Amino acid sequence: MVDWTSPHALDIQADAFQKLNHALAGLYFWELLTSLDFDWAFLSGKKKLHWPMIPYFLNRYLLLFALIGILIALDTTQEINCQSLYIFNQLAGNAAVGLASINLALRTMALWGHSLYIVVPLVLVILGHWTLILQGVLLKAAWVDGTGCVITHTNNTILAATFIYSMCLDLVVLLLSGSKLIRHRTNSQLTTLLFKDGLIYFIVAFVSNLIATIFMCLNLSSIMSVIFNVPAAIASTIVACRAVRRLSNWASTGVHVYSGSRSAPYIRSNRGPTITTTRSKPDNLEHGVHIQMETVTEMVSDLTPRGYEDSAVESDFKDYVEHKSVPL
């Protein structure tokens, strides 16, 4: 049987921990750079910054700073205060996991029209999650000459509880979103997008958090107990932020066009503006034919606090009505 706490085993674990975190940091930096144009659109004022985007930015950049801190702890050759650095890394990394859950919960609140019966319980559950995240010092690290910063102790009970809580919160949010979308039984692009992204997020976050929780509960060694915490935080953050970006980009270009016919309304979701002719009549044949057009266009706001809803799920998107006479 392997002695996970022997010096030789700890050296192998430390080497694996270092290589894994370097690879994950490279993956996350690539993800950040390839989507930087989306963030810049808000910073440059091209897109209006609404409050639901705040958890998105905190999620992305707290994890970025946590990864930078981890790389410093792994690569530095000069003695530093390892304990302070690892406290920051732990809090920033756990906060990224919590913010990833918040990003999905906000969409669920909007789907339910910000009903107090949904918002209040979700807020209370989220606050409970953050009481675990902000528990304090859950690991200890020390400087070892010739090795660098070494994790010497971890509080596996609180860490495991935090990740289990995350999995339960994500499950509740997924069930609430799914029940709302299934009740309306719509096949619109927005409904499909919300359900698909929510399901993908839950599967990725659940599996990554489950693996991290299993190793924490096994408590093989101080390193093995936390080796999969960073992968869980990165996986949750990437899928959550991608879901936010996909919805925002859809909202920027998505248009719902309704026929002007009162008796047989026709609904279609498009990626760009479309003109629908609903009726025509000759006006004056000597002066040409005029077509009377009535178009109702529903523009989707850019991630406003209530900007996640579809017309089929109590939408409060902005409606614009145009009446035009176009000569031929």
C-alpha atoms as a PDB file:
ATOM      1  CA  MET A   1       0.000   0.000   0.000  1.00  0.00           C
ATOM      2  CA  VAL A   2       1.289   3.455  -0.899  1.00  0.00           C
ATOM      3  CA  ASP A   3       2.453   5.628   1.973  1.00  0.00           C
ATOM      4  CA  TRP A   4       1.151   8.991   0.780  1.00  0.00           C
ATOM      5  CA  THR A   5       2.935  10.900   3.551  1.00  0.00           C
ATOM      6  CA  SER A   6       6.444   9.531   2.972  1.00  0.00           C
ATOM      7  CA  PRO A   7       9.076  12.053   1.845  1.00  0.00           C
ATOM      8  CA  HIS A   8       9.450  10.357  -1.544  1.00  0.00           C
ATOM      9  CA  ALA A   9       5.679  10.334  -2.154  1.00  0.00           C
ATOM     10  CA  LEU A  10       5.381  13.977  -1.067  1.00  0.00           C
ATOM     11  CA  ASP A  11       8.122  14.966  -3.509  1.00  0.00           C
ATOM     12  CA  ILE A  12       6.258  13.257  -6.362  1.00  0.00           C
ATOM     13  CA  GLN A  13       2.993  14.915  -5.309  1.00  0.00           C
ATOM     14  CA  ALA A  14       4.640  18.330  -5.103  1.00  0.00           C
ATOM     15  CA  ASP A  15       6.078  17.908  -8.595  1.00  0.00           C
ATOM     16  CA  ALA A  16       2.701  16.796  -9.985  1.00  0.00           C
ATOM     17  CA  PHE A  17       0.963  19.691  -8.183  1.00  0.00           C
ATOM     18  CA  GLN A  18       3.396  22.175  -9.718  1.00  0.00           C
ATOM     19  CA  LYS A  19       3.092  20.852 -13.280  1.00  0.00           C
ATOM     20  CA  LEU A  20      -0.694  20.565 -13.095  1.00  0.00           C
ATOM     21  CA  ASN A  21      -1.122  24.140 -11.895  1.00  0.00           C
ATOM     22  CA  HIS A  22       1.216  25.496 -14.578  1.00  0.00           C
ATOM     23  CA  ALA A  23      -0.773  23.699 -17.261  1.00  0.00           C
ATOM     24  CA  LEU A  24      -4.101  24.925 -15.835  1.00  0.00           C
ATOM     25  CA  ALA A  25      -2.799  28.475 -15.555  1.00  0.00           C
ATOM     26  CA  GLY A  26      -1.805  28.387 -19.226  1.00  0.00           C
ATOM     27  CA  LEU A  27      -5.273  27.104 -20.139  1.00  0.00           C
ATOM     28  CA  TYR A  28      -6.999  29.864 -18.189  1.00  0.00           C
ATOM     29  CA  PHE A  29      -4.720  32.607 -19.552  1.00  0.00           C
ATOM     30  CA  TRP A  30      -5.563  31.418 -23.076  1.00  0.00           C
ATOM     31  CA  GLU A  31      -9.283  31.473 -22.239  1.00  0.00           C
ATOM     32  CA  LEU A  32      -8.913  34.986 -20.856  1.00  0.00           C
ATOM     33  CA  LEU A  33      -7.024  36.341 -23.863  1.00  0.00           C
ATOM     34  CA  THR A  34      -9.371  34.818 -26.457  1.00  0.00           C
ATOM     35  CA  SER A  35     -12.372  36.505 -24.802  1.00  0.00           C
ATOM     36  CA  LEU A  36     -10.739  39.786 -23.839  1.00  0.00           C
ATOM     37  CA  ASP A  37     -12.590  41.661 -26.595  1.00  0.00           C
ATOM     38  CA  PHE A  38     -15.868  40.984 -24.762  1.00  0.00           C
ATOM     39  CA  ASP A  39     -14.544  42.560 -21.550  1.00  0.00           C
ATOM     40  CA  TRP A  40     -13.043  45.486 -23.447  1.00  0.00           C
ATOM     41  CA  ALA A  41     -16.429  46.298 -24.999  1.00  0.00           C
ATOM     42  CA  PHE A  42     -17.713  47.102 -21.505  1.00  0.00           C
ATOM     43  CA  LEU A  43     -14.569  48.876 -20.327  1.00  0.00           C
ATOM     44  CA  SER A  44     -14.477  51.065 -23.454  1.00  0.00           C
ATOM     45  CA  GLY A  45     -18.166  51.956 -23.170  1.00  0.00           C
ATOM     46  CA  LYS A  46     -19.278  50.166 -26.341  1.00  0.00           C
ATOM     47  CA  LYS A  47     -21.588  48.092 -24.165  1.00  0.00           C
ATOM     48  CA  LYS A  48     -23.435  49.422 -21.153  1.00  0.00           C
ATOM     49  CA  LEU A  49     -22.366  47.818 -17.887  1.00  0.00           C
ATOM     50  CA  HIS A  50     -25.348  46.496 -15.924  1.00  0.00           C
ATOM     51  CA  TRP A  51     -25.092  45.118 -12.405  1.00  0.00           C
ATOM     52  CA  PRO A  52     -25.478  41.408 -13.385  1.00  0.00           C
ATOM     53  CA  MET A  53     -22.118  41.722 -15.121  1.00  0.00           C
ATOM     54  CA  ILE A  54     -20.328  42.527 -11.846  1.00  0.00           C
ATOM     55  CA  PRO A  55     -20.197  38.869 -10.671  1.00  0.00           C
ATOM     56  CA  TYR A  56     -18.936  37.960 -14.145  1.00  0.00           C
ATOM     57  CA  PHE A  57     -15.944  40.303 -13.948  1.00  0.00           C
ATOM     58  CA  LEU A  58     -15.217  39.425 -10.303  1.00  0.00           C
ATOM     59  CA  ASN A  59     -15.340  35.737 -11.187  1.00  0.00           C
ATOM     60  CA  ARG A  60     -12.872  36.056 -14.063  1.00  0.00           C
ATOM     61  CA  TYR A  61     -10.305  38.324 -12.459  1.00  0.00           C
ATOM     62  CA  LEU A  62     -10.326  36.997  -8.895  1.00  0.00           C
ATOM     63  CA  LEU A  63      -9.414  33.613 -10.334  1.00  0.00           C
ATOM     64  CA  LEU A  64      -6.740  35.277 -12.492  1.00  0.00           C
ATOM     65  CA  PHE A  65      -5.122  36.855  -9.415  1.00  0.00           C
ATOM     66  CA  ALA A  66      -5.398  33.558  -7.522  1.00  0.00           C
ATOM     67  CA  LEU A  67      -3.558  31.735 -10.322  1.00  0.00           C
ATOM     68  CA  ILE A  68      -0.863  34.395 -10.392  1.00  0.00           C
ATOM     69  CA  GLY A  69      -0.468  33.957  -6.629  1.00  0.00           C
ATOM     70  CA  ILE A  70      -0.215  30.178  -7.028  1.00  0.00           C
ATOM     71  CA  LEU A  71       2.458  30.529  -9.712  1.00  0.00           C
ATOM     72  CA  ILE A  72       4.432  32.888  -7.471  1.00  0.00           C
ATOM     73  CA  ALA A  73       4.239  30.384  -4.609  1.00  0.00           C
ATOM     74  CA  LEU A  74       5.382  27.544  -6.871  1.00  0.00           C
ATOM     75  CA  ASP A  75       8.151  29.330  -8.767  1.00  0.00           C
ATOM     76  CA  THR A  76       9.731  31.787  -6.371  1.00  0.00           C
ATOM     77  CA  THR A  77      13.317  31.108  -5.354  1.00  0.00           C
ATOM     78  CA  GLN A  78      13.447  33.745  -2.626  1.00  0.00           C
ATOM     79  CA  GLU A  79      11.875  33.257   0.788  1.00  0.00           C
ATOM     80  CA  ILE A  80       8.426  34.836   1.070  1.00  0.00           C
ATOM     81  CA  ASN A  81       5.514  34.784   3.506  1.00  0.00           C
ATOM     82  CA  CYS A  82       3.907  31.596   2.195  1.00  0.00           C
ATOM     83  CA  GLN A  83       1.067  31.630   4.706  1.00  0.00           C
ATOM     84  CA  SER A  84      -0.243  35.055   3.665  1.00  0.00           C
ATOM     85  CA  LEU A  85       0.075  34.207  -0.009  1.00  0.00           C
ATOM     86  CA  TYR A  86      -1.821  30.935   0.339  1.00  0.00           C
ATOM     87  CA  ILE A  87      -4.571  32.599   2.392  1.00  0.00           C
ATOM     88  CA  PHE A  88      -5.135  35.001  -0.502  1.00  0.00           C
ATOM     89  CA  ASN A  89      -5.018  32.178  -3.042  1.00  0.00           C
ATOM     90  CA  GLN A  90      -7.514  30.137  -1.044  1.00  0.00           C
ATOM     91  CA  LEU A  91     -10.002  32.984  -0.561  1.00  0.00           C
ATOM     92  CA  ALA A  92      -9.779  34.184  -4.171  1.00  0.00           C
ATOM     93  CA  GLY A  93     -10.087  30.651  -5.553  1.00  0.00           C
ATOM     94  CA  ASN A  94     -13.065  29.737  -3.359  1.00  0.00           C
ATOM     95  CA  ALA A  95     -14.710  33.073  -4.172  1.00  0.00           C
ATOM     96  CA  ALA A  96     -14.405  32.231  -7.884  1.00  0.00           C
ATOM     97  CA  VAL A  97     -16.335  28.999  -7.253  1.00  0.00           C
ATOM     98  CA  GLY A  98     -19.024  30.942  -5.385  1.00  0.00           C
ATOM     99  CA  LEU A  99     -19.276  33.636  -8.060  1.00  0.00           C
ATOM    100  CA  ALA A 100     -19.646  30.990 -10.775  1.00  0.00           C
ATOM    101  CA  SER A 101     -22.751  29.720  -8.966  1.00  0.00           C
ATOM    102  CA  ILE A 102     -24.062  33.284  -8.615  1.00  0.00           C
ATOM    103  CA  ASN A 103     -23.728  33.879 -12.365  1.00  0.00           C
ATOM    104  CA  LEU A 104     -26.058  30.959 -13.030  1.00  0.00           C
ATOM    105  CA  ALA A 105     -28.422  31.862 -10.159  1.00  0.00           C
ATOM    106  CA  LEU A 106     -28.949  35.369 -11.573  1.00  0.00           C
ATOM    107  CA  ARG A 107     -30.225  33.907 -14.842  1.00  0.00           C
ATOM    108  CA  THR A 108     -32.635  31.708 -12.929  1.00  0.00           C
ATOM    109  CA  MET A 109     -33.989  34.682 -10.953  1.00  0.00           C
ATOM    110  CA  ALA A 110     -34.579  36.560 -14.198  1.00  0.00           C
ATOM    111  CA  LEU A 111     -36.320  33.563 -15.781  1.00  0.00           C
ATOM    112  CA  TRP A 112     -38.793  33.558 -12.907  1.00  0.00           C
ATOM    113  CA  GLY A 113     -39.464  37.282 -13.333  1.00  0.00           C
ATOM    114  CA  HIS A 114     -37.628  38.106 -10.078  1.00  0.00           C
ATOM    115  CA  SER A 115     -40.415  36.507  -8.067  1.00  0.00           C
ATOM    116  CA  LEU A 116     -39.769  36.915  -4.349  1.00  0.00           C
ATOM    117  CA  TYR A 117     -40.650  33.249  -3.836  1.00  0.00           C
ATOM    118  CA  ILE A 118     -37.581  32.395  -5.936  1.00  0.00           C
ATOM    119  CA  VAL A 119     -35.234  35.318  -5.249  1.00  0.00           C
ATOM    120  CA  VAL A 120     -35.398  35.293  -1.437  1.00  0.00           C
ATOM    121  CA  PRO A 121     -34.670  31.544  -0.966  1.00  0.00           C
ATOM    122  CA  LEU A 122     -31.866  31.674  -3.559  1.00  0.00           C
ATOM    123  CA  VAL A 123     -30.284  34.704  -1.868  1.00  0.00           C
ATOM    124  CA  LEU A 124     -30.404  32.938   1.503  1.00  0.00           C
ATOM    125  CA  VAL A 125     -28.819  29.812   0.016  1.00  0.00           C
ATOM    126  CA  ILE A 126     -26.105  31.928  -1.649  1.00  0.00           C
ATOM    127  CA  LEU A 127     -25.382  33.699   1.659  1.00  0.00           C
ATOM    128  CA  GLY A 128     -25.018  30.298   3.307  1.00  0.00           C
ATOM    129  CA  HIS A 129     -22.531  29.340   0.605  1.00  0.00           C
ATOM    130  CA  TRP A 130     -20.453  32.432   1.272  1.00  0.00           C
ATOM    131  CA  THR A 131     -20.374  31.817   5.017  1.00  0.00           C
ATOM    132  CA  LEU A 132     -18.420  28.683   4.173  1.00  0.00           C
ATOM    133  CA  ILE A 133     -16.240  30.408   1.571  1.00  0.00           C
ATOM    134  CA  LEU A 134     -15.226  33.139   4.038  1.00  0.00           C
ATOM    135  CA  GLN A 135     -14.533  30.806   6.974  1.00  0.00           C
ATOM    136  CA  GLY A 136     -10.941  31.952   7.151  1.00  0.00           C
ATOM    137  CA  VAL A 137      -7.652  30.071   7.136  1.00  0.00           C
ATOM    138  CA  LEU A 138      -8.321  26.556   5.828  1.00  0.00           C
ATOM    139  CA  LEU A 139      -4.741  25.614   5.038  1.00  0.00           C
ATOM    140  CA  LYS A 140      -1.254  26.264   6.331  1.00  0.00           C
ATOM    141  CA  ALA A 141       1.900  26.730   4.277  1.00  0.00           C
ATOM    142  CA  ALA A 142       5.534  27.269   5.199  1.00  0.00           C
ATOM    143  CA  TRP A 143       8.779  28.051   3.468  1.00  0.00           C
ATOM    144  CA  VAL A 144      11.184  25.134   3.129  1.00  0.00           C
ATOM    145  CA  ASP A 145      14.746  25.857   2.001  1.00  0.00           C
ATOM    146  CA  GLY A 146      15.531  24.204  -1.292  1.00  0.00           C
ATOM    147  CA  THR A 147      11.857  23.493  -1.987  1.00  0.00           C
ATOM    148  CA  GLY A 148       9.893  26.733  -1.611  1.00  0.00           C
ATOM    149  CA  CYS A 149       6.362  27.103  -0.288  1.00  0.00           C
ATOM    150  CA  VAL A 150       4.937  23.829   0.986  1.00  0.00           C
ATOM    151  CA  ILE A 151       1.367  23.125   2.148  1.00  0.00           C
ATOM    152  CA  THR A 152       1.647  21.584   5.620  1.00  0.00           C
ATOM    153  CA  HIS A 153      -1.988  21.313   6.738  1.00  0.00           C
ATOM    154  CA  THR A 154      -5.506  21.608   5.307  1.00  0.00           C
ATOM    155  CA  ASN A 155      -8.932  21.833   6.955  1.00  0.00           C
ATOM    156  CA  ASN A 156     -10.607  19.234   4.795  1.00  0.00           C
ATOM    157  CA  THR A 157     -13.950  19.371   6.610  1.00  0.00           C
ATOM    158  CA  ILE A 158     -14.723  22.981   5.713  1.00  0.00           C
ATOM    159  CA  LEU A 159     -13.222  22.674   2.234  1.00  0.00           C
ATOM    160  CA  ALA A 160     -15.303  19.583   1.447  1.00  0.00           C
ATOM    161  CA  ALA A 161     -18.430  21.234   2.845  1.00  0.00           C
ATOM    162  CA  THR A 162     -17.834  24.246   0.595  1.00  0.00           C
ATOM    163  CA  PHE A 163     -17.600  22.158  -2.572  1.00  0.00           C
ATOM    164  CA  ILE A 164     -20.555  19.931  -1.611  1.00  0.00           C
ATOM    165  CA  TYR A 165     -22.602  23.055  -0.959  1.00  0.00           C
ATOM    166  CA  SER A 166     -21.605  24.336  -4.406  1.00  0.00           C
ATOM    167  CA  MET A 167     -22.848  21.136  -6.043  1.00  0.00           C
ATOM    168  CA  CYS A 168     -26.177  21.302  -4.195  1.00  0.00           C
ATOM    169  CA  LEU A 169     -26.638  24.986  -5.065  1.00  0.00           C
ATOM    170  CA  ASP A 170     -25.932  24.338  -8.736  1.00  0.00           C
ATOM    171  CA  LEU A 171     -28.427  21.458  -8.721  1.00  0.00           C
ATOM    172  CA  VAL A 172     -31.160  23.648  -7.194  1.00  0.00           C
ATOM    173  CA  VAL A 173     -30.515  26.390  -9.745  1.00  0.00           C
ATOM    174  CA  LEU A 174     -30.590  23.906 -12.637  1.00  0.00           C
ATOM    175  CA  LEU A 175     -33.878  22.373 -11.447  1.00  0.00           C
ATOM    176  CA  LEU A 176     -35.504  25.803 -11.054  1.00  0.00           C
ATOM    177  CA  SER A 177     -34.367  26.911 -14.511  1.00  0.00           C
ATOM    178  CA  GLY A 178     -35.379  23.632 -16.125  1.00  0.00           C
ATOM    179  CA  SER A 179     -38.824  23.593 -14.525  1.00  0.00           C
ATOM    180  CA  LYS A 180     -39.528  27.140 -15.711  1.00  0.00           C
ATOM    181  CA  LEU A 181     -38.417  26.446 -19.276  1.00  0.00           C
ATOM    182  CA  ILE A 182     -40.164  23.070 -19.518  1.00  0.00           C
ATOM    183  CA  ARG A 183     -43.432  24.511 -18.227  1.00  0.00           C
ATOM    184  CA  HIS A 184     -43.656  26.830 -21.232  1.00  0.00           C
ATOM    185  CA  ARG A 185     -42.528  24.147 -23.689  1.00  0.00           C
ATOM    186  CA  THR A 186     -41.075  26.626 -26.164  1.00  0.00           C
ATOM    187  CA  ASN A 187     -38.501  25.885 -28.848  1.00  0.00           C
ATOM    188  CA  SER A 188     -37.119  29.384 -29.214  1.00  0.00           C
ATOM    189  CA  GLN A 189     -33.393  29.989 -29.580  1.00  0.00           C
ATOM    190  CA  LEU A 190     -33.221  31.708 -26.195  1.00  0.00           C
ATOM    191  CA  THR A 191     -34.959  28.868 -24.365  1.00  0.00           C
ATOM    192  CA  THR A 192     -32.638  26.322 -25.974  1.00  0.00           C
ATOM    193  CA  LEU A 193     -29.588  28.461 -25.173  1.00  0.00           C
ATOM    194  CA  LEU A 194     -30.521  28.916 -21.511  1.00  0.00           C
ATOM    195  CA  PHE A 195     -31.291  25.253 -20.940  1.00  0.00           C
ATOM    196  CA  LYS A 196     -28.276  23.924 -22.875  1.00  0.00           C
ATOM    197  CA  ASP A 197     -25.773  26.273 -21.219  1.00  0.00           C
ATOM    198  CA  GLY A 198     -27.273  25.651 -17.779  1.00  0.00           C
ATOM    199  CA  LEU A 199     -27.052  21.894 -18.241  1.00  0.00           C
ATOM    200  CA  ILE A 200     -23.469  22.017 -19.548  1.00  0.00           C
ATOM    201  CA  TYR A 201     -22.442  24.288 -16.685  1.00  0.00           C
ATOM    202  CA  PHE A 202     -23.993  21.980 -14.094  1.00  0.00           C
ATOM    203  CA  ILE A 203     -22.389  18.818 -15.490  1.00  0.00           C
ATOM    204  CA  VAL A 204     -18.903  20.360 -15.737  1.00  0.00           C
ATOM    205  CA  ALA A 205     -19.087  22.078 -12.338  1.00  0.00           C
ATOM    206  CA  PHE A 206     -20.616  19.041 -10.622  1.00  0.00           C
ATOM    207  CA  VAL A 207     -18.016  16.585 -11.920  1.00  0.00           C
ATOM    208  CA  SER A 208     -15.044  18.856 -11.182  1.00  0.00           C
ATOM    209  CA  ASN A 209     -16.327  19.697  -7.679  1.00  0.00           C
ATOM    210  CA  LEU A 210     -17.095  16.028  -7.004  1.00  0.00           C
ATOM    211  CA  ILE A 211     -13.537  14.963  -7.855  1.00  0.00           C
ATOM    212  CA  ALA A 212     -12.121  17.684  -5.603  1.00  0.00           C
ATOM    213  CA  THR A 213     -14.459  16.667  -2.769  1.00  0.00           C
ATOM    214  CA  ILE A 214     -13.528  12.969  -3.052  1.00  0.00           C
ATOM    215  CA  PHE A 215      -9.817  13.704  -2.662  1.00  0.00           C
ATOM    216  CA  MET A 216     -10.505  16.023   0.265  1.00  0.00           C
ATOM    217  CA  CYS A 217     -12.514  13.326   2.033  1.00  0.00           C
ATOM    218  CA  LEU A 218      -9.848  10.682   1.347  1.00  0.00           C
ATOM    219  CA  ASN A 219      -7.286  12.925   3.080  1.00  0.00           C
ATOM    220  CA  LEU A 220      -4.341  11.058   1.592  1.00  0.00           C
ATOM    221  CA  SER A 221      -1.911  13.913   2.276  1.00  0.00           C
ATOM    222  CA  SER A 222      -1.873  17.683   2.594  1.00  0.00           C
ATOM    223  CA  ILE A 223      -1.095  18.070  -1.126  1.00  0.00           C
ATOM    224  CA  MET A 224      -3.474  15.419  -2.459  1.00  0.00           C
ATOM    225  CA  SER A 225      -6.322  16.934  -0.426  1.00  0.00           C
ATOM    226  CA  VAL A 226      -6.212  20.173  -2.442  1.00  0.00           C
ATOM    227  CA  ILE A 227      -4.669  19.078  -5.740  1.00  0.00           C
ATOM    228  CA  PHE A 228      -8.005  19.195  -7.598  1.00  0.00           C
ATOM    229  CA  ASN A 229      -9.325  22.427  -6.043  1.00  0.00           C
ATOM    230  CA  VAL A 230      -7.771  24.599  -8.735  1.00  0.00           C
ATOM    231  CA  PRO A 231      -9.122  22.467 -11.622  1.00  0.00           C
ATOM    232  CA  ALA A 232     -12.614  22.698 -10.068  1.00  0.00           C
ATOM    233  CA  ALA A 233     -12.422  26.487  -9.756  1.00  0.00           C
ATOM    234  CA  ILE A 234     -11.111  26.901 -13.314  1.00  0.00           C
ATOM    235  CA  ALA A 235     -13.684  24.550 -14.852  1.00  0.00           C
ATOM    236  CA  SER A 236     -16.585  26.251 -13.037  1.00  0.00           C
ATOM    237  CA  THR A 237     -15.371  29.722 -13.959  1.00  0.00           C
ATOM    238  CA  ILE A 238     -14.791  28.971 -17.635  1.00  0.00           C
ATOM    239  CA  VAL A 239     -18.214  27.410 -18.244  1.00  0.00           C
ATOM    240  CA  ALA A 240     -20.051  30.028 -16.148  1.00  0.00           C
ATOM    241  CA  CYS A 241     -18.380  32.971 -17.884  1.00  0.00           C
ATOM    242  CA  ARG A 242     -18.877  31.417 -21.311  1.00  0.00           C
ATOM    243  CA  ALA A 243     -22.587  31.053 -20.524  1.00  0.00           C
ATOM    244  CA  VAL A 244     -22.754  34.753 -19.621  1.00  0.00           C
ATOM    245  CA  ARG A 245     -20.918  35.801 -22.786  1.00  0.00           C
ATOM    246  CA  ARG A 246     -23.056  33.605 -25.056  1.00  0.00           C
ATOM    247  CA  LEU A 247     -26.232  35.073 -23.592  1.00  0.00           C
ATOM    248  CA  SER A 248     -24.918  38.625 -23.858  1.00  0.00           C
ATOM    249  CA  ASN A 249     -23.857  38.119 -27.478  1.00  0.00           C
ATOM    250  CA  TRP A 250     -27.238  36.574 -28.267  1.00  0.00           C
ATOM    251  CA  ALA A 251     -28.945  39.542 -26.625  1.00  0.00           C
ATOM    252  CA  SER A 252     -26.886  41.966 -28.683  1.00  0.00           C
ATOM    253  CA  THR A 253     -28.004  40.459 -32.000  1.00  0.00           C
ATOM    254  CA  GLY A 254     -31.184  38.529 -31.240  1.00  0.00           C
ATOM    255  CA  VAL A 255     -34.445  39.960 -32.627  1.00  0.00           C
ATOM    256  CA  HIS A 256     -37.950  38.590 -32.333  1.00  0.00           C
ATOM    257  CA  VAL A 257     -40.202  39.556 -35.236  1.00  0.00           C
ATOM    258  CA  TYR A 258     -43.957  39.268 -34.927  1.00  0.00           C
ATOM    259  CA  SER A 259     -46.430  39.373 -37.751  1.00  0.00           C
ATOM    260  CA  GLY A 260     -48.830  42.260 -37.740  1.00  0.00           C
ATOM    261  CA  SER A 261     -51.721  39.858 -38.280  1.00  0.00           C
ATOM    262  CA  ARG A 262     -54.018  39.936 -35.281  1.00  0.00           C
ATOM    263  CA  SER A 263     -55.667  36.608 -36.074  1.00  0.00           C
ATOM    264  CA  ALA A 264     -52.619  34.446 -36.705  1.00  0.00           C
ATOM    265  CA  PRO A 265     -49.517  35.780 -34.967  1.00  0.00           C
ATOM    266  CA  TYR A 266     -46.250  34.372 -36.206  1.00  0.00           C
ATOM    267  CA  ILE A 267     -43.170  34.315 -33.993  1.00  0.00           C
ATOM    268  CA  ARG A 268     -39.639  33.808 -35.197  1.00  0.00           C
ATOM    269  CA  SER A 269     -36.257  34.316 -33.584  1.00  0.00           C
ATOM    270  CA  ASN A 270     -33.546  35.760 -35.816  1.00  0.00           C
ATOM    271  CA  ARG A 271     -29.934  36.762 -35.572  1.00  0.00           C
ATOM    272  CA  GLY A 272     -30.526  39.975 -37.458  1.00  0.00           C
ATOM    273  CA  PRO A 273     -33.306  42.366 -38.398  1.00  0.00           C
ATOM    274  CA  THR A 274     -36.040  40.959 -40.618  1.00  0.00           C
ATOM    275  CA  ILE A 275     -38.952  42.715 -42.306  1.00  0.00           C
ATOM    276  CA  THR A 276     -42.223  40.818 -42.431  1.00  0.00           C
ATOM    277  CA  THR A 277     -44.917  41.910 -44.891  1.00  0.00           C
ATOM    278  CA  THR A 278     -48.326  41.281 -43.413  1.00  0.00           C
ATOM    279  CA  ARG A 279     -50.802  42.773 -45.862  1.00  0.00           C
ATOM    280  CA  SER A 280     -50.901  44.863 -48.998  1.00  0.00           C
ATOM    281  CA  LYS A 281     -53.494  46.775 -50.928  1.00  0.00           C
ATOM    282  CA  PRO A 282     -53.440  48.910 -54.049  1.00  0.00           C
ATOM    283  CA  ASP A 283     -53.656  52.599 -53.243  1.00  0.00           C
ATOM    284  CA  ASN A 284     -53.533  54.439 -56.539  1.00  0.00           C
ATOM    285  CA  LEU A 285     -52.565  52.456 -59.639  1.00  0.00           C
ATOM    286  CA  GLU A 286     -51.703  55.612 -61.566  1.00  0.00           C
ATOM    287  CA  HIS A 287     -49.188  56.697 -58.984  1.00  0.00           C
ATOM    288  CA  GLY A 288     -47.754  53.264 -58.242  1.00  0.00           C
ATOM    289  CA  VAL A 289     -48.561  50.570 -55.727  1.00  0.00           C
ATOM    290  CA  HIS A 290     -47.967  51.049 -52.028  1.00  0.00           C
ATOM    291  CA  ILE A 291     -47.527  48.166 -49.578  1.00  0.00           C
ATOM    292  CA  GLN A 292     -48.720  48.841 -46.062  1.00  0.00           C
ATOM    293  CA  MET A 293     -46.328  47.124 -43.643  1.00  0.00           C
ATOM    294  CA  GLU A 294     -46.727  46.595 -39.938  1.00  0.00           C
ATOM    295  CA  THR A 295     -43.730  45.185 -38.115  1.00  0.00           C
ATOM    296  CA  VAL A 296     -43.365  44.582 -34.407  1.00  0.00           C
ATOM    297  CA  THR A 297     -39.753  44.079 -33.414  1.00  0.00           C
ATOM    298  CA  GLU A 298     -38.645  42.914 -30.004  1.00  0.00           C
ATOM    299  CA  MET A 299     -35.092  43.961 -29.261  1.00  0.00           C
ATOM    300  CA  VAL A 300     -33.337  42.140 -26.454  1.00  0.00           C
ATOM    301  CA  SER A 301     -31.581  44.390 -23.982  1.00  0.00           C
ATOM    302  CA  ASP A 302     -27.921  43.849 -23.226  1.00  0.00           C
ATOM    303  CA  LEU A 303     -27.980  41.849 -20.004  1.00  0.00           C
ATOM    304  CA  THR A 304     -30.133  44.263 -18.077  1.00  0.00           C
ATOM    305  CA  PRO A 305     -31.273  43.087 -14.643  1.00  0.00           C
ATOM    306  CA  ARG A 306     -34.377  41.641 -16.318  1.00  0.00           C
ATOM    307  CA  GLY A 307     -32.756  41.056 -19.651  1.00  0.00           C
ATOM    308  CA  TYR A 308     -32.521  37.309 -19.536  1.00  0.00           C
ATOM    309  CA  GLU A 309     -36.161  36.439 -20.156  1.00  0.00           C
ATOM    310  CA  ASP A 310     -37.748  35.156 -23.341  1.00  0.00           C
ATOM    311  CA  SER A 311     -41.115  36.309 -24.659  1.00  0.00           C
ATOM    312  CA  ALA A 312     -42.457  32.877 -23.832  1.00  0.00           C
ATOM    313  CA  VAL A 313     -41.345  33.146 -20.201  1.00  0.00           C
ATOM    314  CA  GLU A 314     -42.866  36.439 -19.111  1.00  0.00           C
ATOM    315  CA  SER A 315     -40.512  38.613 -21.109  1.00  0.00           C
ATOM    316  CA  ASP A 316     -40.216  42.295 -20.345  1.00  0.00           C
ATOM    317  CA  PHE A 317     -37.901  43.058 -23.272  1.00  0.00           C
ATOM    318  CA  LYS A 318     -38.364  46.332 -25.073  1.00  0.00           C
ATOM    319  CA  ASP A 319     -40.867  46.346 -27.884  1.00  0.00           C
ATOM    320  CA  TYR A 320     -40.657  48.725 -30.804  1.00  0.00           C
ATOM    321  CA  VAL A 321     -43.553  49.173 -33.208  1.00  0.00           C
ATOM    322  CA  GLU A 322     -43.091  50.605 -36.693  1.00  0.00           C
ATOM    323  CA  HIS A 323     -45.782  51.479 -39.238  1.00  0.00           C
ATOM    324  CA  LYS A 324     -44.289  52.252 -42.654  1.00  0.00           C
ATOM    325  CA  SER A 325     -45.557  52.700 -46.173  1.00  0.00           C
ATOM    326  CA  VAL A 326     -42.923  51.609 -48.674  1.00  0.00           C
ATOM    327  CA  PRO A 327     -43.527  52.715 -52.320  1.00  0.00           C
ATOM    328  CA  LEU A 328     -42.559  50.320 -55.094  1.00  0.00           C
END
